[in-house]
Amino acid sequence: MIHFLAIIFLVLPTEQPELLNEARKLYFRLDQPGCVSEKLFEILQQNTKKTAVLLAYEGAAEASSASCAVFPLNKLKRFNQGKQKIELALKLDSLNSEIRFIRFSIQSRAPAFLGYHDDIEKDLAFLMNKFTQDQTLFEDDLLRGNIIRFLIQSSQITDQQIALLQKMLNAENN
């Protein structure tokens, strides 16, 4: 089934800037009250032509929506299904910095008992390396700023990395 989905995603992806912008906007509001993750998941689930990035956002929204479920088995099911979509998105485009960030953000906030934390250091190193090579890594200024702020607030990051990212953020604001 996963191979069939991968083929569909490789054949049909089309740029959908409005949907991508909405996904990005809602993604950085997932921690707000009101189960924003469910809203984002519903929006993305209705879209049948997904790029790998949109698939990653859908997976992240589904995994995050686990906190909105009532029953523990439903929580676990949502989380695992979302996790699978994120991993599929990475198989489709493993060098995509946005997808790597999405996986990093989900893994860094997932409870340890879920066992979804193996790639935190690898994804953080990937992102820091990319930012070091190209401080304008993401074309969208708002996205870049949101990612940098998320990384700075992450407990996974070193003081040296914080200083570098803070410098980039300050340069953007000037």
C-alpha atoms as a PDB file:
ATOM      1  CA  MET A   1       0.000   0.000   0.000  1.00  0.00           C
ATOM      2  CA  ILE A   2       2.808   2.444   0.877  1.00  0.00           C
ATOM      3  CA  HIS A   3       4.538   1.759  -2.450  1.00  0.00           C
ATOM      4  CA  PHE A   4       1.284   2.472  -4.298  1.00  0.00           C
ATOM      5  CA  LEU A   5       0.911   5.775  -2.435  1.00  0.00           C
ATOM      6  CA  ALA A   6       4.519   6.672  -3.199  1.00  0.00           C
ATOM      7  CA  ILE A   7       3.902   6.170  -6.910  1.00  0.00           C
ATOM      8  CA  ILE A   8       0.789   8.335  -6.793  1.00  0.00           C
ATOM      9  CA  PHE A   9       2.656  11.108  -4.972  1.00  0.00           C
ATOM     10  CA  LEU A  10       5.512  10.981  -7.477  1.00  0.00           C
ATOM     11  CA  VAL A  11       3.212  11.104 -10.504  1.00  0.00           C
ATOM     12  CA  LEU A  12       0.629  13.656  -9.399  1.00  0.00           C
ATOM     13  CA  PRO A  13       2.392  16.331  -7.326  1.00  0.00           C
ATOM     14  CA  THR A  14       1.601  19.850  -8.382  1.00  0.00           C
ATOM     15  CA  GLU A  15       2.481  23.137  -6.785  1.00  0.00           C
ATOM     16  CA  GLN A  16      -0.357  24.478  -4.709  1.00  0.00           C
ATOM     17  CA  PRO A  17       1.007  27.678  -3.172  1.00  0.00           C
ATOM     18  CA  GLU A  18      -2.217  28.715  -1.424  1.00  0.00           C
ATOM     19  CA  LEU A  19      -2.600  25.341   0.274  1.00  0.00           C
ATOM     20  CA  LEU A  20       1.074  25.234   1.201  1.00  0.00           C
ATOM     21  CA  ASN A  21       0.911  28.741   2.692  1.00  0.00           C
ATOM     22  CA  GLU A  22      -2.192  27.781   4.704  1.00  0.00           C
ATOM     23  CA  ALA A  23      -0.478  24.592   5.924  1.00  0.00           C
ATOM     24  CA  ARG A  24       2.591  26.571   7.000  1.00  0.00           C
ATOM     25  CA  LYS A  25       0.473  29.179   8.767  1.00  0.00           C
ATOM     26  CA  LEU A  26      -1.568  26.606  10.678  1.00  0.00           C
ATOM     27  CA  TYR A  27       1.435  24.402  11.435  1.00  0.00           C
ATOM     28  CA  PHE A  28       3.056  27.059  13.559  1.00  0.00           C
ATOM     29  CA  ARG A  29      -0.199  27.414  15.509  1.00  0.00           C
ATOM     30  CA  LEU A  30      -0.553  23.716  16.390  1.00  0.00           C
ATOM     31  CA  ASP A  31       0.268  24.306  20.035  1.00  0.00           C
ATOM     32  CA  GLN A  32      -2.578  26.800  20.441  1.00  0.00           C
ATOM     33  CA  PRO A  33      -5.819  25.695  22.097  1.00  0.00           C
ATOM     34  CA  GLY A  34      -8.656  24.398  19.972  1.00  0.00           C
ATOM     35  CA  CYS A  35      -7.081  21.444  18.153  1.00  0.00           C
ATOM     36  CA  VAL A  36      -5.736  23.436  15.223  1.00  0.00           C
ATOM     37  CA  SER A  37      -4.032  20.189  14.185  1.00  0.00           C
ATOM     38  CA  GLU A  38      -7.398  18.605  13.380  1.00  0.00           C
ATOM     39  CA  LYS A  39      -8.349  21.570  11.203  1.00  0.00           C
ATOM     40  CA  LEU A  40      -5.048  21.389   9.325  1.00  0.00           C
ATOM     41  CA  PHE A  41      -5.365  17.617   8.937  1.00  0.00           C
ATOM     42  CA  GLU A  42      -8.888  17.910   7.515  1.00  0.00           C
ATOM     43  CA  ILE A  43      -7.816  20.568   5.015  1.00  0.00           C
ATOM     44  CA  LEU A  44      -4.831  18.541   3.814  1.00  0.00           C
ATOM     45  CA  GLN A  45      -6.637  15.207   3.809  1.00  0.00           C
ATOM     46  CA  GLN A  46      -9.183  16.555   1.322  1.00  0.00           C
ATOM     47  CA  ASN A  47      -6.424  17.418  -1.134  1.00  0.00           C
ATOM     48  CA  THR A  48      -5.747  14.451  -3.408  1.00  0.00           C
ATOM     49  CA  LYS A  49      -2.721  15.866  -5.246  1.00  0.00           C
ATOM     50  CA  LYS A  50       0.024  16.260  -2.679  1.00  0.00           C
ATOM     51  CA  THR A  51       3.640  17.168  -2.951  1.00  0.00           C
ATOM     52  CA  ALA A  52       6.008  15.491  -0.518  1.00  0.00           C
ATOM     53  CA  VAL A  53       5.986  18.664   1.602  1.00  0.00           C
ATOM     54  CA  LEU A  54       2.178  18.703   1.813  1.00  0.00           C
ATOM     55  CA  LEU A  55       2.227  15.019   2.731  1.00  0.00           C
ATOM     56  CA  ALA A  56       4.681  15.808   5.542  1.00  0.00           C
ATOM     57  CA  TYR A  57       2.429  18.583   6.834  1.00  0.00           C
ATOM     58  CA  GLU A  58      -0.549  16.229   6.692  1.00  0.00           C
ATOM     59  CA  GLY A  59       1.380  13.610   8.635  1.00  0.00           C
ATOM     60  CA  ALA A  60       2.497  16.144  11.214  1.00  0.00           C
ATOM     61  CA  ALA A  61      -1.057  17.429  11.625  1.00  0.00           C
ATOM     62  CA  GLU A  62      -2.384  13.896  12.022  1.00  0.00           C
ATOM     63  CA  ALA A  63       0.314  12.964  14.527  1.00  0.00           C
ATOM     64  CA  SER A  64      -0.304  16.176  16.475  1.00  0.00           C
ATOM     65  CA  SER A  65      -4.050  15.641  16.434  1.00  0.00           C
ATOM     66  CA  ALA A  66      -3.513  12.604  18.645  1.00  0.00           C
ATOM     67  CA  SER A  67      -3.721  14.946  21.617  1.00  0.00           C
ATOM     68  CA  CYS A  68      -7.275  15.845  20.544  1.00  0.00           C
ATOM     69  CA  ALA A  69      -8.475  12.231  20.578  1.00  0.00           C
ATOM     70  CA  VAL A  70     -10.299  10.912  23.628  1.00  0.00           C
ATOM     71  CA  PHE A  71      -9.368   7.231  23.716  1.00  0.00           C
ATOM     72  CA  PRO A  72      -5.737   6.110  24.112  1.00  0.00           C
ATOM     73  CA  LEU A  73      -5.899   3.650  21.201  1.00  0.00           C
ATOM     74  CA  ASN A  74      -7.215   6.403  18.912  1.00  0.00           C
ATOM     75  CA  LYS A  75      -4.398   8.676  20.067  1.00  0.00           C
ATOM     76  CA  LEU A  76      -1.800   6.040  19.265  1.00  0.00           C
ATOM     77  CA  LYS A  77      -3.384   5.215  15.901  1.00  0.00           C
ATOM     78  CA  ARG A  78      -3.419   8.869  14.823  1.00  0.00           C
ATOM     79  CA  PHE A  79       0.145   9.397  15.921  1.00  0.00           C
ATOM     80  CA  ASN A  80       1.419   6.300  14.108  1.00  0.00           C
ATOM     81  CA  GLN A  81      -0.474   7.094  10.894  1.00  0.00           C
ATOM     82  CA  GLY A  82       0.903  10.619  10.929  1.00  0.00           C
ATOM     83  CA  LYS A  83       4.412   9.344  11.587  1.00  0.00           C
ATOM     84  CA  GLN A  84       4.144   7.005   8.580  1.00  0.00           C
ATOM     85  CA  LYS A  85       3.163   9.910   6.312  1.00  0.00           C
ATOM     86  CA  ILE A  86       6.118  11.980   7.490  1.00  0.00           C
ATOM     87  CA  GLU A  87       8.486   9.079   6.824  1.00  0.00           C
ATOM     88  CA  LEU A  88       6.946   8.511   3.380  1.00  0.00           C
ATOM     89  CA  ALA A  89       7.406  12.194   2.566  1.00  0.00           C
ATOM     90  CA  LEU A  90      11.070  11.862   3.519  1.00  0.00           C
ATOM     91  CA  LYS A  91      11.453   8.824   1.282  1.00  0.00           C
ATOM     92  CA  LEU A  92      10.021  10.876  -1.573  1.00  0.00           C
ATOM     93  CA  ASP A  93      12.305  13.872  -0.936  1.00  0.00           C
ATOM     94  CA  SER A  94      14.982  13.123   1.666  1.00  0.00           C
ATOM     95  CA  LEU A  95      16.959  16.305   0.998  1.00  0.00           C
ATOM     96  CA  ASN A  96      14.035  18.664   1.518  1.00  0.00           C
ATOM     97  CA  SER A  97      14.858  20.951   4.437  1.00  0.00           C
ATOM     98  CA  GLU A  98      11.222  21.739   5.188  1.00  0.00           C
ATOM     99  CA  ILE A  99      10.334  18.060   5.522  1.00  0.00           C
ATOM    100  CA  ARG A 100      13.387  17.515   7.718  1.00  0.00           C
ATOM    101  CA  PHE A 101      12.242  20.393   9.910  1.00  0.00           C
ATOM    102  CA  ILE A 102       8.734  18.920  10.158  1.00  0.00           C
ATOM    103  CA  ARG A 103      10.111  15.567  11.299  1.00  0.00           C
ATOM    104  CA  PHE A 104      12.461  17.290  13.738  1.00  0.00           C
ATOM    105  CA  SER A 105       9.638  19.330  15.236  1.00  0.00           C
ATOM    106  CA  ILE A 106       7.353  16.320  15.685  1.00  0.00           C
ATOM    107  CA  GLN A 107      10.084  14.069  17.080  1.00  0.00           C
ATOM    108  CA  SER A 108      11.416  16.721  19.449  1.00  0.00           C
ATOM    109  CA  ARG A 109       7.955  17.218  20.966  1.00  0.00           C
ATOM    110  CA  ALA A 110       6.750  13.605  20.947  1.00  0.00           C
ATOM    111  CA  PRO A 111       6.623  11.839  24.309  1.00  0.00           C
ATOM    112  CA  ALA A 112       9.583   9.478  24.704  1.00  0.00           C
ATOM    113  CA  PHE A 113       7.363   6.411  25.222  1.00  0.00           C
ATOM    114  CA  LEU A 114       6.196   6.684  21.595  1.00  0.00           C
ATOM    115  CA  GLY A 115       9.707   5.845  20.416  1.00  0.00           C
ATOM    116  CA  TYR A 116       9.736   8.429  17.642  1.00  0.00           C
ATOM    117  CA  HIS A 117      12.916  10.316  18.382  1.00  0.00           C
ATOM    118  CA  ASP A 118      15.734   8.534  16.543  1.00  0.00           C
ATOM    119  CA  ASP A 119      16.359  11.242  13.954  1.00  0.00           C
ATOM    120  CA  ILE A 120      16.343  14.395  16.101  1.00  0.00           C
ATOM    121  CA  GLU A 121      20.118  14.887  16.125  1.00  0.00           C
ATOM    122  CA  LYS A 122      20.481  13.944  12.463  1.00  0.00           C
ATOM    123  CA  ASP A 123      17.721  16.338  11.357  1.00  0.00           C
ATOM    124  CA  LEU A 124      19.043  19.156  13.533  1.00  0.00           C
ATOM    125  CA  ALA A 125      22.553  18.682  12.131  1.00  0.00           C
ATOM    126  CA  PHE A 126      21.103  18.641   8.597  1.00  0.00           C
ATOM    127  CA  LEU A 127      19.185  21.876   9.207  1.00  0.00           C
ATOM    128  CA  MET A 128      22.087  23.649  10.911  1.00  0.00           C
ATOM    129  CA  ASN A 129      24.394  22.628   8.080  1.00  0.00           C
ATOM    130  CA  LYS A 130      21.928  23.947   5.508  1.00  0.00           C
ATOM    131  CA  PHE A 131      21.469  27.229   7.401  1.00  0.00           C
ATOM    132  CA  THR A 132      25.256  27.620   7.660  1.00  0.00           C
ATOM    133  CA  GLN A 133      25.614  27.116   3.908  1.00  0.00           C
ATOM    134  CA  ASP A 134      22.660  29.325   2.957  1.00  0.00           C
ATOM    135  CA  GLN A 135      21.170  31.757   5.453  1.00  0.00           C
ATOM    136  CA  THR A 136      18.267  32.326   3.055  1.00  0.00           C
ATOM    137  CA  LEU A 137      17.553  28.603   2.989  1.00  0.00           C
ATOM    138  CA  PHE A 138      13.805  29.036   2.779  1.00  0.00           C
ATOM    139  CA  GLU A 139      12.493  31.485   0.188  1.00  0.00           C
ATOM    140  CA  ASP A 140       9.520  32.389   2.375  1.00  0.00           C
ATOM    141  CA  ASP A 141      10.771  34.881   4.982  1.00  0.00           C
ATOM    142  CA  LEU A 142       7.955  34.095   7.412  1.00  0.00           C
ATOM    143  CA  LEU A 143       8.636  30.357   7.184  1.00  0.00           C
ATOM    144  CA  ARG A 144      12.373  30.877   7.676  1.00  0.00           C
ATOM    145  CA  GLY A 145      11.757  33.097  10.716  1.00  0.00           C
ATOM    146  CA  ASN A 146       9.282  30.628  12.229  1.00  0.00           C
ATOM    147  CA  ILE A 147      11.694  27.733  11.757  1.00  0.00           C
ATOM    148  CA  ILE A 148      14.588  29.667  13.270  1.00  0.00           C
ATOM    149  CA  ARG A 149      12.464  30.707  16.271  1.00  0.00           C
ATOM    150  CA  PHE A 150      11.283  27.103  16.740  1.00  0.00           C
ATOM    151  CA  LEU A 151      14.864  25.822  16.651  1.00  0.00           C
ATOM    152  CA  ILE A 152      16.030  28.487  19.115  1.00  0.00           C
ATOM    153  CA  GLN A 153      13.303  27.439  21.564  1.00  0.00           C
ATOM    154  CA  SER A 154      14.100  23.752  21.136  1.00  0.00           C
ATOM    155  CA  SER A 155      15.691  21.952  24.038  1.00  0.00           C
ATOM    156  CA  GLN A 156      17.761  19.980  21.534  1.00  0.00           C
ATOM    157  CA  ILE A 157      19.941  22.889  20.468  1.00  0.00           C
ATOM    158  CA  THR A 158      23.305  24.070  21.841  1.00  0.00           C
ATOM    159  CA  ASP A 159      24.166  27.586  22.972  1.00  0.00           C
ATOM    160  CA  GLN A 160      26.485  27.952  19.969  1.00  0.00           C
ATOM    161  CA  GLN A 161      23.676  26.971  17.589  1.00  0.00           C
ATOM    162  CA  ILE A 162      21.308  29.389  19.329  1.00  0.00           C
ATOM    163  CA  ALA A 163      23.828  32.217  18.875  1.00  0.00           C
ATOM    164  CA  LEU A 164      24.187  31.449  15.166  1.00  0.00           C
ATOM    165  CA  LEU A 165      20.433  31.288  14.608  1.00  0.00           C
ATOM    166  CA  GLN A 166      19.827  34.410  16.687  1.00  0.00           C
ATOM    167  CA  LYS A 167      22.371  36.249  14.540  1.00  0.00           C
ATOM    168  CA  MET A 168      20.492  35.151  11.402  1.00  0.00           C
ATOM    169  CA  LEU A 169      17.175  36.199  12.893  1.00  0.00           C
ATOM    170  CA  ASN A 170      18.541  39.610  13.893  1.00  0.00           C
ATOM    171  CA  ALA A 171      20.001  40.129  10.408  1.00  0.00           C
ATOM    172  CA  GLU A 172      16.577  39.369   8.926  1.00  0.00           C
ATOM    173  CA  ASN A 173      14.867  41.893  11.152  1.00  0.00           C
ATOM    174  CA  ASN A 174      17.291  44.705  10.228  1.00  0.00           C
END
